């Protein structure tokens, strides 16, 4: 079985000219084929399999990337909703906007960017 190396970057501020973006970088090794992990992140069924009870993912630029943590909450307060896919490179890169939980209303209005990079790890 091949393992997958996933590189994740969370940009923590709004993009401004001449500003250096604060970021959180995290590397994760997943014991699964790249295609399997790619499907988990780029399909609604995949997100539901490991992240939340409901999701809507359209893996294309400007497609929906909605993760419903609490389906019983009022619209707009259900979780990481109203996010958009920014970039897709099949089985290599997925980027999308992210918003803070509904319990943090000031932070929720500021969007961050998540970049996932997928690459097989050396055997």
PDB file of N, CA and C in Angstrom:
ATOM      1  N   UNK A   1       0.846  -1.178   0.000  1.00  0.00           N
ATOM      2  CA  UNK A   1       0.000   0.000   0.000  1.00  0.00           C
ATOM      3  C   UNK A   1       0.892   1.242   0.000  1.00  0.00           C
ATOM      4  N   UNK A   2       0.589   2.192  -0.855  1.00  0.00           N
ATOM      5  CA  UNK A   2       1.348   3.435  -0.893  1.00  0.00           C
ATOM      6  C   UNK A   2       0.767   4.398   0.121  1.00  0.00           C
ATOM      7  N   UNK A   3       1.624   5.182   0.701  1.00  0.00           N
ATOM      8  CA  UNK A   3       1.173   6.175   1.654  1.00  0.00           C
ATOM      9  C   UNK A   3       1.137   7.532   0.966  1.00  0.00           C
ATOM     10  N   UNK A   4       0.340   8.410   1.510  1.00  0.00           N
ATOM     11  CA  UNK A   4       0.155   9.728   0.927  1.00  0.00           C
ATOM     12  C   UNK A   4       0.679  10.781   1.877  1.00  0.00           C
ATOM     13  N   UNK A   5       1.380  11.738   1.330  1.00  0.00           N
ATOM     14  CA  UNK A   5       1.865  12.867   2.091  1.00  0.00           C
ATOM     15  C   UNK A   5       0.940  14.035   1.784  1.00  0.00           C
ATOM     16  N   UNK A   6       0.308  14.613   2.785  1.00  0.00           N
ATOM     17  CA  UNK A   6      -0.589  15.750   2.592  1.00  0.00           C
ATOM     18  C   UNK A   6       0.025  16.957   3.276  1.00  0.00           C
ATOM     19  N   UNK A   7       0.206  18.028   2.540  1.00  0.00           N
ATOM     20  CA  UNK A   7       0.765  19.262   3.069  1.00  0.00           C
ATOM     21  C   UNK A   7      -0.367  20.264   3.156  1.00  0.00           C
ATOM     22  N   UNK A   8      -0.601  20.816   4.332  1.00  0.00           N
ATOM     23  CA  UNK A   8      -1.730  21.705   4.555  1.00  0.00           C
ATOM     24  C   UNK A   8      -1.212  23.074   4.976  1.00  0.00           C
ATOM     25  N   UNK A   9      -1.728  24.121   4.354  1.00  0.00           N
ATOM     26  CA  UNK A   9      -1.380  25.489   4.731  1.00  0.00           C
ATOM     27  C   UNK A   9      -2.665  26.249   4.990  1.00  0.00           C
ATOM     28  N   UNK A  10      -2.755  26.874   6.140  1.00  0.00           N
ATOM     29  CA  UNK A  10      -3.886  27.733   6.462  1.00  0.00           C
ATOM     30  C   UNK A  10      -3.381  29.166   6.478  1.00  0.00           C
ATOM     31  N   UNK A  11      -3.868  29.989   5.597  1.00  0.00           N
ATOM     32  CA  UNK A  11      -3.485  31.397   5.599  1.00  0.00           C
ATOM     33  C   UNK A  11      -4.410  32.113   6.566  1.00  0.00           C
ATOM     34  N   UNK A  12      -3.850  32.828   7.514  1.00  0.00           N
ATOM     35  CA  UNK A  12      -4.633  33.353   8.616  1.00  0.00           C
ATOM     36  C   UNK A  12      -4.994  34.830   8.507  1.00  0.00           C
ATOM     37  N   UNK A  13      -4.845  35.444   7.371  1.00  0.00           N
ATOM     38  CA  UNK A  13      -5.229  36.839   7.277  1.00  0.00           C
ATOM     39  C   UNK A  13      -5.680  37.171   5.867  1.00  0.00           C
ATOM     40  N   UNK A  14      -6.264  38.331   5.732  1.00  0.00           N
ATOM     41  CA  UNK A  14      -6.716  38.803   4.433  1.00  0.00           C
ATOM     42  C   UNK A  14      -5.489  39.216   3.616  1.00  0.00           C
ATOM     43  N   UNK A  15      -5.510  38.908   2.331  1.00  0.00           N
ATOM     44  CA  UNK A  15      -4.383  39.245   1.464  1.00  0.00           C
ATOM     45  C   UNK A  15      -4.327  40.756   1.265  1.00  0.00           C
ATOM     46  N   UNK A  16      -3.161  41.341   1.525  1.00  0.00           N
ATOM     47  CA  UNK A  16      -2.962  42.764   1.303  1.00  0.00           C
ATOM     48  C   UNK A  16      -1.653  42.949   0.560  1.00  0.00           C
ATOM     49  N   UNK A  17      -1.553  44.027  -0.178  1.00  0.00           N
ATOM     50  CA  UNK A  17      -0.330  44.307  -0.936  1.00  0.00           C
ATOM     51  C   UNK A  17       0.844  44.485   0.021  1.00  0.00           C
ATOM     52  N   UNK A  18       1.970  43.899  -0.315  1.00  0.00           N
ATOM     53  CA  UNK A  18       3.218  44.025   0.429  1.00  0.00           C
ATOM     54  C   UNK A  18       3.168  43.447   1.843  1.00  0.00           C
ATOM     55  N   UNK A  19       2.182  42.632   2.146  1.00  0.00           N
ATOM     56  CA  UNK A  19       2.094  42.039   3.479  1.00  0.00           C
ATOM     57  C   UNK A  19       2.564  40.591   3.433  1.00  0.00           C
ATOM     58  N   UNK A  20       3.232  40.182   4.482  1.00  0.00           N
ATOM     59  CA  UNK A  20       3.632  38.787   4.603  1.00  0.00           C
ATOM     60  C   UNK A  20       2.505  38.069   5.322  1.00  0.00           C
ATOM     61  N   UNK A  21       2.013  37.023   4.726  1.00  0.00           N
ATOM     62  CA  UNK A  21       0.886  36.282   5.269  1.00  0.00           C
ATOM     63  C   UNK A  21       1.296  35.368   6.412  1.00  0.00           C
ATOM     64  N   UNK A  22       0.682  35.512   7.578  1.00  0.00           N
ATOM     65  CA  UNK A  22       0.907  34.505   8.617  1.00  0.00           C
ATOM     66  C   UNK A  22       0.270  33.191   8.155  1.00  0.00           C
ATOM     67  N   UNK A  23       0.887  32.092   8.474  1.00  0.00           N
ATOM     68  CA  UNK A  23       0.356  30.809   8.025  1.00  0.00           C
ATOM     69  C   UNK A  23       0.670  29.724   9.042  1.00  0.00           C
ATOM     70  N   UNK A  24      -0.168  28.722   9.042  1.00  0.00           N
ATOM     71  CA  UNK A  24       0.071  27.506   9.808  1.00  0.00           C
ATOM     72  C   UNK A  24       0.358  26.427   8.787  1.00  0.00           C
ATOM     73  N   UNK A  25       1.483  25.745   8.922  1.00  0.00           N
ATOM     74  CA  UNK A  25       1.823  24.663   7.999  1.00  0.00           C
ATOM     75  C   UNK A  25       1.854  23.359   8.764  1.00  0.00           C
ATOM     76  N   UNK A  26       1.242  22.352   8.187  1.00  0.00           N
ATOM     77  CA  UNK A  26       1.141  21.051   8.825  1.00  0.00           C
ATOM     78  C   UNK A  26       1.338  19.978   7.766  1.00  0.00           C
ATOM     79  N   UNK A  27       2.190  19.020   8.039  1.00  0.00           N
ATOM     80  CA  UNK A  27       2.383  17.887   7.143  1.00  0.00           C
ATOM     81  C   UNK A  27       1.803  16.646   7.802  1.00  0.00           C
ATOM     82  N   UNK A  28       1.064  15.864   7.029  1.00  0.00           N
ATOM     83  CA  UNK A  28       0.413  14.666   7.542  1.00  0.00           C
ATOM     84  C   UNK A  28       0.688  13.517   6.571  1.00  0.00           C
ATOM     85  N   UNK A  29       1.042  12.366   7.101  1.00  0.00           N
ATOM     86  CA  UNK A  29       1.187  11.175   6.274  1.00  0.00           C
ATOM     87  C   UNK A  29      -0.034  10.300   6.516  1.00  0.00           C
ATOM     88  N   UNK A  30      -0.742   9.971   5.449  1.00  0.00           N
ATOM     89  CA  UNK A  30      -1.948   9.152   5.510  1.00  0.00           C
ATOM     90  C   UNK A  30      -1.639   7.811   4.859  1.00  0.00           C
ATOM     91  N   UNK A  31      -1.941   6.730   5.537  1.00  0.00           N
ATOM     92  CA  UNK A  31      -1.676   5.394   4.977  1.00  0.00           C
ATOM     93  C   UNK A  31      -2.817   4.999   4.044  1.00  0.00           C
ATOM     94  N   UNK A  32      -2.809   5.611   2.865  1.00  0.00           N
ATOM     95  CA  UNK A  32      -3.834   5.340   1.856  1.00  0.00           C
ATOM     96  C   UNK A  32      -3.313   5.824   0.508  1.00  0.00           C
ATOM     97  N   UNK A  33      -3.850   5.281  -0.573  1.00  0.00           N
ATOM     98  CA  UNK A  33      -3.455   5.758  -1.904  1.00  0.00           C
ATOM     99  C   UNK A  33      -3.907   7.203  -2.130  1.00  0.00           C
ATOM    100  N   UNK A  34      -3.148   7.932  -2.928  1.00  0.00           N
ATOM    101  CA  UNK A  34      -3.482   9.322  -3.229  1.00  0.00           C
ATOM    102  C   UNK A  34      -4.922   9.440  -3.719  1.00  0.00           C
ATOM    103  N   UNK A  35      -5.346   8.580  -4.625  1.00  0.00           N
ATOM    104  CA  UNK A  35      -6.696   8.664  -5.193  1.00  0.00           C
ATOM    105  C   UNK A  35      -7.770   8.559  -4.109  1.00  0.00           C
ATOM    106  N   UNK A  36      -7.553   7.724  -3.123  1.00  0.00           N
ATOM    107  CA  UNK A  36      -8.530   7.541  -2.053  1.00  0.00           C
ATOM    108  C   UNK A  36      -8.626   8.790  -1.169  1.00  0.00           C
ATOM    109  N   UNK A  37      -7.500   9.370  -0.812  1.00  0.00           N
ATOM    110  CA  UNK A  37      -7.511  10.570   0.027  1.00  0.00           C
ATOM    111  C   UNK A  37      -8.050  11.754  -0.771  1.00  0.00           C
ATOM    112  N   UNK A  38      -7.708  11.822  -2.038  1.00  0.00           N
ATOM    113  CA  UNK A  38      -8.232  12.875  -2.916  1.00  0.00           C
ATOM    114  C   UNK A  38      -9.764  12.826  -2.926  1.00  0.00           C
ATOM    115  N   UNK A  39     -10.322  11.639  -3.104  1.00  0.00           N
ATOM    116  CA  UNK A  39     -11.781  11.476  -3.133  1.00  0.00           C
ATOM    117  C   UNK A  39     -12.402  11.875  -1.790  1.00  0.00           C
ATOM    118  N   UNK A  40     -11.708  11.589  -0.691  1.00  0.00           N
ATOM    119  CA  UNK A  40     -12.225  11.956   0.630  1.00  0.00           C
ATOM    120  C   UNK A  40     -12.341  13.475   0.785  1.00  0.00           C
ATOM    121  N   UNK A  41     -11.433  14.225   0.197  1.00  0.00           N
ATOM    122  CA  UNK A  41     -11.462  15.682   0.316  1.00  0.00           C
ATOM    123  C   UNK A  41     -12.275  16.378  -0.773  1.00  0.00           C
ATOM    124  N   UNK A  42     -12.519  15.727  -1.898  1.00  0.00           N
ATOM    125  CA  UNK A  42     -13.122  16.425  -3.039  1.00  0.00           C
ATOM    126  C   UNK A  42     -14.533  15.982  -3.385  1.00  0.00           C
ATOM    127  N   UNK A  43     -15.142  15.171  -2.540  1.00  0.00           N
ATOM    128  CA  UNK A  43     -16.534  14.770  -2.759  1.00  0.00           C
ATOM    129  C   UNK A  43     -17.335  14.974  -1.478  1.00  0.00           C
ATOM    130  N   UNK A  44     -18.615  15.196  -1.645  1.00  0.00           N
ATOM    131  CA  UNK A  44     -19.501  15.340  -0.478  1.00  0.00           C
ATOM    132  C   UNK A  44     -19.459  14.078   0.367  1.00  0.00           C
ATOM    133  N   UNK A  45     -19.527  12.920  -0.285  1.00  0.00           N
ATOM    134  CA  UNK A  45     -19.497  11.643   0.435  1.00  0.00           C
ATOM    135  C   UNK A  45     -18.182  11.468   1.179  1.00  0.00           C
ATOM    136  N   UNK A  46     -17.097  11.909   0.588  1.00  0.00           N
ATOM    137  CA  UNK A  46     -15.797  11.801   1.223  1.00  0.00           C
ATOM    138  C   UNK A  46     -15.714  12.635   2.490  1.00  0.00           C
ATOM    139  N   UNK A  47     -16.166  13.877   2.432  1.00  0.00           N
ATOM    140  CA  UNK A  47     -16.145  14.743   3.617  1.00  0.00           C
ATOM    141  C   UNK A  47     -17.010  14.145   4.723  1.00  0.00           C
ATOM    142  N   UNK A  48     -18.176  13.617   4.362  1.00  0.00           N
ATOM    143  CA  UNK A  48     -19.061  12.991   5.357  1.00  0.00           C
ATOM    144  C   UNK A  48     -18.388  11.776   5.994  1.00  0.00           C
ATOM    145  N   UNK A  49     -17.518  11.105   5.272  1.00  0.00           N
ATOM    146  CA  UNK A  49     -16.882   9.893   5.798  1.00  0.00           C
ATOM    147  C   UNK A  49     -15.910  10.163   6.947  1.00  0.00           C
ATOM    148  N   UNK A  50     -15.421  11.404   7.072  1.00  0.00           N
ATOM    149  CA  UNK A  50     -14.446  11.652   8.144  1.00  0.00           C
ATOM    150  C   UNK A  50     -14.592  12.993   8.859  1.00  0.00           C
ATOM    151  N   UNK A  51     -15.460  13.886   8.387  1.00  0.00           N
ATOM    152  CA  UNK A  51     -15.435  15.241   8.926  1.00  0.00           C
ATOM    153  C   UNK A  51     -16.731  15.669   9.601  1.00  0.00           C
ATOM    154  N   UNK A  52     -17.869  15.478   8.947  1.00  0.00           N
ATOM    155  CA  UNK A  52     -19.133  16.032   9.437  1.00  0.00           C
ATOM    156  C   UNK A  52     -20.307  15.238   8.892  1.00  0.00           C
ATOM    157  N   UNK A  53     -21.501  15.402   9.502  1.00  0.00           N
ATOM    158  CA  UNK A  53     -22.649  14.616   9.048  1.00  0.00           C
ATOM    159  C   UNK A  53     -23.221  15.021   7.687  1.00  0.00           C
ATOM    160  N   UNK A  54     -22.940  16.249   7.240  1.00  0.00           N
ATOM    161  CA  UNK A  54     -23.429  16.699   5.935  1.00  0.00           C
ATOM    162  C   UNK A  54     -22.368  17.559   5.266  1.00  0.00           C
ATOM    163  N   UNK A  55     -22.334  17.514   3.946  1.00  0.00           N
ATOM    164  CA  UNK A  55     -21.383  18.330   3.194  1.00  0.00           C
ATOM    165  C   UNK A  55     -21.876  18.504   1.768  1.00  0.00           C
ATOM    166  N   UNK A  56     -21.419  19.579   1.149  1.00  0.00           N
ATOM    167  CA  UNK A  56     -21.653  19.797  -0.277  1.00  0.00           C
ATOM    168  C   UNK A  56     -20.337  20.286  -0.878  1.00  0.00           C
ATOM    169  N   UNK A  57     -19.740  19.446  -1.703  1.00  0.00           N
ATOM    170  CA  UNK A  57     -18.449  19.771  -2.295  1.00  0.00           C
ATOM    171  C   UNK A  57     -18.575  19.686  -3.808  1.00  0.00           C
ATOM    172  N   UNK A  58     -18.188  20.753  -4.471  1.00  0.00           N
ATOM    173  CA  UNK A  58     -18.106  20.799  -5.929  1.00  0.00           C
ATOM    174  C   UNK A  58     -16.648  21.115  -6.252  1.00  0.00           C
ATOM    175  N   UNK A  59     -15.871  20.097  -6.553  1.00  0.00           N
ATOM    176  CA  UNK A  59     -14.420  20.245  -6.733  1.00  0.00           C
ATOM    177  C   UNK A  59     -14.088  20.877  -8.075  1.00  0.00           C
ATOM    178  N   UNK A  60     -14.358  22.165  -8.154  1.00  0.00           N
ATOM    179  CA  UNK A  60     -14.032  22.982  -9.326  1.00  0.00           C
ATOM    180  C   UNK A  60     -13.887  24.419  -8.835  1.00  0.00           C
ATOM    181  N   UNK A  61     -13.098  25.239  -9.493  1.00  0.00           N
ATOM    182  CA  UNK A  61     -12.968  26.625  -9.056  1.00  0.00           C
ATOM    183  C   UNK A  61     -14.335  27.298  -8.935  1.00  0.00           C
ATOM    184  N   UNK A  62     -14.538  27.988  -7.830  1.00  0.00           N
ATOM    185  CA  UNK A  62     -15.778  28.677  -7.465  1.00  0.00           C
ATOM    186  C   UNK A  62     -16.905  27.713  -7.099  1.00  0.00           C
ATOM    187  N   UNK A  63     -16.594  26.428  -6.964  1.00  0.00           N
ATOM    188  CA  UNK A  63     -17.584  25.452  -6.524  1.00  0.00           C
ATOM    189  C   UNK A  63     -17.812  25.544  -5.024  1.00  0.00           C
ATOM    190  N   UNK A  64     -18.899  24.983  -4.574  1.00  0.00           N
ATOM    191  CA  UNK A  64     -19.238  25.006  -3.144  1.00  0.00           C
ATOM    192  C   UNK A  64     -18.297  24.102  -2.352  1.00  0.00           C
ATOM    193  N   UNK A  65     -17.986  24.537  -1.142  1.00  0.00           N
ATOM    194  CA  UNK A  65     -17.263  23.706  -0.179  1.00  0.00           C
ATOM    195  C   UNK A  65     -17.923  23.980   1.162  1.00  0.00           C
ATOM    196  N   UNK A  66     -18.990  23.233   1.432  1.00  0.00           N
ATOM    197  CA  UNK A  66     -19.817  23.454   2.614  1.00  0.00           C
ATOM    198  C   UNK A  66     -19.745  22.241   3.516  1.00  0.00           C
ATOM    199  N   UNK A  67     -19.420  22.481   4.778  1.00  0.00           N
ATOM    200  CA  UNK A  67     -19.341  21.407   5.762  1.00  0.00           C
ATOM    201  C   UNK A  67     -20.333  21.733   6.875  1.00  0.00           C
ATOM    202  N   UNK A  68     -21.370  20.915   6.988  1.00  0.00           N
ATOM    203  CA  UNK A  68     -22.431  21.138   7.971  1.00  0.00           C
ATOM    204  C   UNK A  68     -22.117  20.326   9.227  1.00  0.00           C
ATOM    205  N   UNK A  69     -21.706  21.009  10.280  1.00  0.00           N
ATOM    206  CA  UNK A  69     -21.385  20.365  11.544  1.00  0.00           C
ATOM    207  C   UNK A  69     -22.673  20.115  12.345  1.00  0.00           C
ATOM    208  N   UNK A  70     -23.583  21.091  12.339  1.00  0.00           N
ATOM    209  CA  UNK A  70     -24.852  20.991  13.074  1.00  0.00           C
ATOM    210  C   UNK A  70     -26.011  21.221  12.113  1.00  0.00           C
ATOM    211  N   UNK A  71     -26.554  20.163  11.514  1.00  0.00           N
ATOM    212  CA  UNK A  71     -27.625  20.330  10.535  1.00  0.00           C
ATOM    213  C   UNK A  71     -28.921  20.886  11.121  1.00  0.00           C
ATOM    214  N   UNK A  72     -29.045  20.890  12.456  1.00  0.00           N
ATOM    215  CA  UNK A  72     -30.258  21.378  13.100  1.00  0.00           C
ATOM    216  C   UNK A  72     -30.191  22.860  13.438  1.00  0.00           C
ATOM    217  N   UNK A  73     -29.052  23.480  13.277  1.00  0.00           N
ATOM    218  CA  UNK A  73     -28.897  24.914  13.550  1.00  0.00           C
ATOM    219  C   UNK A  73     -29.518  25.723  12.407  1.00  0.00           C
ATOM    220  N   UNK A  74     -29.725  26.991  12.673  1.00  0.00           N
ATOM    221  CA  UNK A  74     -30.281  27.893  11.657  1.00  0.00           C
ATOM    222  C   UNK A  74     -29.285  28.039  10.504  1.00  0.00           C
ATOM    223  N   UNK A  75     -29.776  28.242   9.280  1.00  0.00           N
ATOM    224  CA  UNK A  75     -28.868  28.470   8.152  1.00  0.00           C
ATOM    225  C   UNK A  75     -27.892  29.600   8.469  1.00  0.00           C
ATOM    226  N   UNK A  76     -26.649  29.405   8.090  1.00  0.00           N
ATOM    227  CA  UNK A  76     -25.596  30.367   8.389  1.00  0.00           C
ATOM    228  C   UNK A  76     -24.896  30.091   9.706  1.00  0.00           C
ATOM    229  N   UNK A  77     -25.472  29.199  10.513  1.00  0.00           N
ATOM    230  CA  UNK A  77     -24.891  28.844  11.810  1.00  0.00           C
ATOM    231  C   UNK A  77     -24.636  27.345  11.920  1.00  0.00           C
ATOM    232  N   UNK A  78     -24.657  26.657  10.797  1.00  0.00           N
ATOM    233  CA  UNK A  78     -24.566  25.195  10.801  1.00  0.00           C
ATOM    234  C   UNK A  78     -23.136  24.666  10.818  1.00  0.00           C
ATOM    235  N   UNK A  79     -22.186  25.506  10.563  1.00  0.00           N
ATOM    236  CA  UNK A  79     -20.805  25.026  10.553  1.00  0.00           C
ATOM    237  C   UNK A  79     -19.957  25.846   9.607  1.00  0.00           C
ATOM    238  N   UNK A  80     -19.121  25.190   8.860  1.00  0.00           N
ATOM    239  CA  UNK A  80     -18.247  25.845   7.895  1.00  0.00           C
ATOM    240  C   UNK A  80     -19.001  25.916   6.570  1.00  0.00           C
ATOM    241  N   UNK A  81     -19.909  26.857   6.511  1.00  0.00           N
ATOM    242  CA  UNK A  81     -20.756  26.973   5.327  1.00  0.00           C
ATOM    243  C   UNK A  81     -20.371  28.192   4.494  1.00  0.00           C
ATOM    244  N   UNK A  82     -20.894  28.244   3.302  1.00  0.00           N
ATOM    245  CA  UNK A  82     -20.657  29.354   2.388  1.00  0.00           C
ATOM    246  C   UNK A  82     -19.180  29.517   2.034  1.00  0.00           C
ATOM    247  N   UNK A  83     -18.470  28.405   1.961  1.00  0.00           N
ATOM    248  CA  UNK A  83     -17.069  28.448   1.542  1.00  0.00           C
ATOM    249  C   UNK A  83     -17.009  28.104   0.054  1.00  0.00           C
ATOM    250  N   UNK A  84     -15.915  28.461  -0.584  1.00  0.00           N
ATOM    251  CA  UNK A  84     -15.764  28.233  -2.022  1.00  0.00           C
ATOM    252  C   UNK A  84     -14.432  27.562  -2.335  1.00  0.00           C
ATOM    253  N   UNK A  85     -14.451  26.709  -3.342  1.00  0.00           N
ATOM    254  CA  UNK A  85     -13.225  26.118  -3.869  1.00  0.00           C
ATOM    255  C   UNK A  85     -12.503  27.202  -4.664  1.00  0.00           C
ATOM    256  N   UNK A  86     -11.210  27.335  -4.430  1.00  0.00           N
ATOM    257  CA  UNK A  86     -10.412  28.332  -5.142  1.00  0.00           C
ATOM    258  C   UNK A  86      -9.624  27.716  -6.290  1.00  0.00           C
ATOM    259  N   UNK A  87      -9.019  26.545  -6.049  1.00  0.00           N
ATOM    260  CA  UNK A  87      -8.176  25.925  -7.078  1.00  0.00           C
ATOM    261  C   UNK A  87      -8.203  24.414  -6.934  1.00  0.00           C
ATOM    262  N   UNK A  88      -8.091  23.734  -8.071  1.00  0.00           N
ATOM    263  CA  UNK A  88      -8.070  22.273  -8.090  1.00  0.00           C
ATOM    264  C   UNK A  88      -7.037  21.825  -9.123  1.00  0.00           C
ATOM    265  N   UNK A  89      -6.125  20.958  -8.703  1.00  0.00           N
ATOM    266  CA  UNK A  89      -5.217  20.251  -9.601  1.00  0.00           C
ATOM    267  C   UNK A  89      -5.378  18.788  -9.248  1.00  0.00           C
ATOM    268  N   UNK A  90      -5.987  18.024 -10.126  1.00  0.00           N
ATOM    269  CA  UNK A  90      -6.386  16.643  -9.847  1.00  0.00           C
ATOM    270  C   UNK A  90      -5.296  15.852  -9.119  1.00  0.00           C
ATOM    271  N   UNK A  91      -5.664  15.341  -7.949  1.00  0.00           N
ATOM    272  CA  UNK A  91      -4.813  14.518  -7.086  1.00  0.00           C
ATOM    273  C   UNK A  91      -3.497  15.184  -6.697  1.00  0.00           C
ATOM    274  N   UNK A  92      -3.432  16.522  -6.812  1.00  0.00           N
ATOM    275  CA  UNK A  92      -2.225  17.251  -6.410  1.00  0.00           C
ATOM    276  C   UNK A  92      -2.518  18.405  -5.466  1.00  0.00           C
ATOM    277  N   UNK A  93      -3.583  19.169  -5.723  1.00  0.00           N
ATOM    278  CA  UNK A  93      -3.842  20.369  -4.934  1.00  0.00           C
ATOM    279  C   UNK A  93      -5.329  20.652  -4.857  1.00  0.00           C
ATOM    280  N   UNK A  94      -5.771  21.039  -3.663  1.00  0.00           N
ATOM    281  CA  UNK A  94      -7.130  21.531  -3.442  1.00  0.00           C
ATOM    282  C   UNK A  94      -7.012  22.739  -2.540  1.00  0.00           C
ATOM    283  N   UNK A  95      -7.610  23.848  -2.931  1.00  0.00           N
ATOM    284  CA  UNK A  95      -7.594  25.060  -2.131  1.00  0.00           C
ATOM    285  C   UNK A  95      -9.021  25.571  -2.003  1.00  0.00           C
ATOM    286  N   UNK A  96      -9.365  26.035  -0.798  1.00  0.00           N
ATOM    287  CA  UNK A  96     -10.709  26.547  -0.563  1.00  0.00           C
ATOM    288  C   UNK A  96     -10.682  27.587   0.546  1.00  0.00           C
ATOM    289  N   UNK A  97     -11.732  28.424   0.591  1.00  0.00           N
ATOM    290  CA  UNK A  97     -11.865  29.386   1.676  1.00  0.00           C
ATOM    291  C   UNK A  97     -12.366  28.651   2.908  1.00  0.00           C
ATOM    292  N   UNK A  98     -12.150  29.246   4.058  1.00  0.00           N
ATOM    293  CA  UNK A  98     -12.587  28.654   5.326  1.00  0.00           C
ATOM    294  C   UNK A  98     -13.122  29.765   6.202  1.00  0.00           C
ATOM    295  N   UNK A  99     -14.138  29.451   7.006  1.00  0.00           N
ATOM    296  CA  UNK A  99     -14.618  30.434   7.968  1.00  0.00           C
ATOM    297  C   UNK A  99     -14.642  29.834   9.368  1.00  0.00           C
ATOM    298  N   UNK A 100     -14.551  30.695  10.357  1.00  0.00           N
ATOM    299  CA  UNK A 100     -14.510  30.266  11.749  1.00  0.00           C
ATOM    300  C   UNK A 100     -15.880  29.734  12.174  1.00  0.00           C
ATOM    301  N   UNK A 101     -15.945  29.022  13.294  1.00  0.00           N
ATOM    302  CA  UNK A 101     -17.218  28.505  13.781  1.00  0.00           C
ATOM    303  C   UNK A 101     -18.203  29.634  14.092  1.00  0.00           C
ATOM    304  N   UNK A 102     -19.503  29.343  14.048  1.00  0.00           N
ATOM    305  CA  UNK A 102     -20.525  30.366  14.324  1.00  0.00           C
ATOM    306  C   UNK A 102     -20.378  31.030  15.695  1.00  0.00           C
ATOM    307  N   UNK A 103     -19.783  30.331  16.663  1.00  0.00           N
ATOM    308  CA  UNK A 103     -19.598  30.896  17.996  1.00  0.00           C
ATOM    309  C   UNK A 103     -18.555  31.999  18.056  1.00  0.00           C
ATOM    310  N   UNK A 104     -17.848  32.238  16.967  1.00  0.00           N
ATOM    311  CA  UNK A 104     -16.840  33.301  16.892  1.00  0.00           C
ATOM    312  C   UNK A 104     -17.226  34.275  15.779  1.00  0.00           C
ATOM    313  N   UNK A 105     -18.292  35.078  15.991  1.00  0.00           N
ATOM    314  CA  UNK A 105     -18.845  35.891  14.894  1.00  0.00           C
ATOM    315  C   UNK A 105     -17.870  36.883  14.269  1.00  0.00           C
ATOM    316  N   UNK A 106     -16.989  37.509  15.052  1.00  0.00           N
ATOM    317  CA  UNK A 106     -16.046  38.459  14.453  1.00  0.00           C
ATOM    318  C   UNK A 106     -15.026  37.740  13.577  1.00  0.00           C
ATOM    319  N   UNK A 107     -14.515  36.632  14.057  1.00  0.00           N
ATOM    320  CA  UNK A 107     -13.562  35.852  13.264  1.00  0.00           C
ATOM    321  C   UNK A 107     -14.245  35.229  12.050  1.00  0.00           C
ATOM    322  N   UNK A 108     -15.524  34.886  12.194  1.00  0.00           N
ATOM    323  CA  UNK A 108     -16.264  34.231  11.109  1.00  0.00           C
ATOM    324  C   UNK A 108     -16.361  35.120   9.868  1.00  0.00           C
ATOM    325  N   UNK A 109     -16.375  36.422  10.072  1.00  0.00           N
ATOM    326  CA  UNK A 109     -16.484  37.332   8.928  1.00  0.00           C
ATOM    327  C   UNK A 109     -15.176  37.443   8.145  1.00  0.00           C
ATOM    328  N   UNK A 110     -14.085  36.992   8.729  1.00  0.00           N
ATOM    329  CA  UNK A 110     -12.801  37.009   8.038  1.00  0.00           C
ATOM    330  C   UNK A 110     -12.569  35.630   7.436  1.00  0.00           C
ATOM    331  N   UNK A 111     -12.308  35.556   6.156  1.00  0.00           N
ATOM    332  CA  UNK A 111     -12.075  34.280   5.495  1.00  0.00           C
ATOM    333  C   UNK A 111     -10.588  33.959   5.498  1.00  0.00           C
ATOM    334  N   UNK A 112     -10.293  32.714   5.714  1.00  0.00           N
ATOM    335  CA  UNK A 112      -8.928  32.248   5.570  1.00  0.00           C
ATOM    336  C   UNK A 112      -8.888  31.338   4.354  1.00  0.00           C
ATOM    337  N   UNK A 113      -7.711  30.901   3.997  1.00  0.00           N
ATOM    338  CA  UNK A 113      -7.538  30.033   2.843  1.00  0.00           C
ATOM    339  C   UNK A 113      -6.846  28.753   3.293  1.00  0.00           C
ATOM    340  N   UNK A 114      -7.359  27.625   2.840  1.00  0.00           N
ATOM    341  CA  UNK A 114      -6.750  26.328   3.108  1.00  0.00           C
ATOM    342  C   UNK A 114      -6.192  25.808   1.786  1.00  0.00           C
ATOM    343  N   UNK A 115      -4.957  25.340   1.817  1.00  0.00           N
ATOM    344  CA  UNK A 115      -4.322  24.729   0.648  1.00  0.00           C
ATOM    345  C   UNK A 115      -3.892  23.332   1.053  1.00  0.00           C
ATOM    346  N   UNK A 116      -4.430  22.323   0.387  1.00  0.00           N
ATOM    347  CA  UNK A 116      -4.037  20.936   0.610  1.00  0.00           C
ATOM    348  C   UNK A 116      -3.216  20.487  -0.586  1.00  0.00           C
ATOM    349  N   UNK A 117      -2.027  19.967  -0.335  1.00  0.00           N
ATOM    350  CA  UNK A 117      -1.178  19.421  -1.401  1.00  0.00           C
ATOM    351  C   UNK A 117      -1.053  17.927  -1.166  1.00  0.00           C
ATOM    352  N   UNK A 118      -1.269  17.154  -2.212  1.00  0.00           N
ATOM    353  CA  UNK A 118      -1.256  15.689  -2.144  1.00  0.00           C
ATOM    354  C   UNK A 118      -0.063  15.168  -2.933  1.00  0.00           C
ATOM    355  N   UNK A 119       0.697  14.267  -2.328  1.00  0.00           N
ATOM    356  CA  UNK A 119       1.834  13.674  -3.020  1.00  0.00           C
ATOM    357  C   UNK A 119       2.149  12.336  -2.389  1.00  0.00           C
ATOM    358  N   UNK A 120       2.441  11.331  -3.203  1.00  0.00           N
ATOM    359  CA  UNK A 120       2.806  10.036  -2.619  1.00  0.00           C
ATOM    360  C   UNK A 120       4.144  10.158  -1.891  1.00  0.00           C
ATOM    361  N   UNK A 121       4.223   9.516  -0.758  1.00  0.00           N
ATOM    362  CA  UNK A 121       5.472   9.503   0.000  1.00  0.00           C
ATOM    363  C   UNK A 121       6.375   8.422  -0.579  1.00  0.00           C
ATOM    364  N   UNK A 122       7.661   8.639  -0.511  1.00  0.00           N
ATOM    365  CA  UNK A 122       8.598   7.621  -0.991  1.00  0.00           C
ATOM    366  C   UNK A 122       8.375   6.312  -0.225  1.00  0.00           C
ATOM    367  N   UNK A 123       8.516   5.202  -0.905  1.00  0.00           N
ATOM    368  CA  UNK A 123       8.289   3.889  -0.265  1.00  0.00           C
ATOM    369  C   UNK A 123       9.279   3.667   0.858  1.00  0.00           C
TER     370      UNK A 123
END
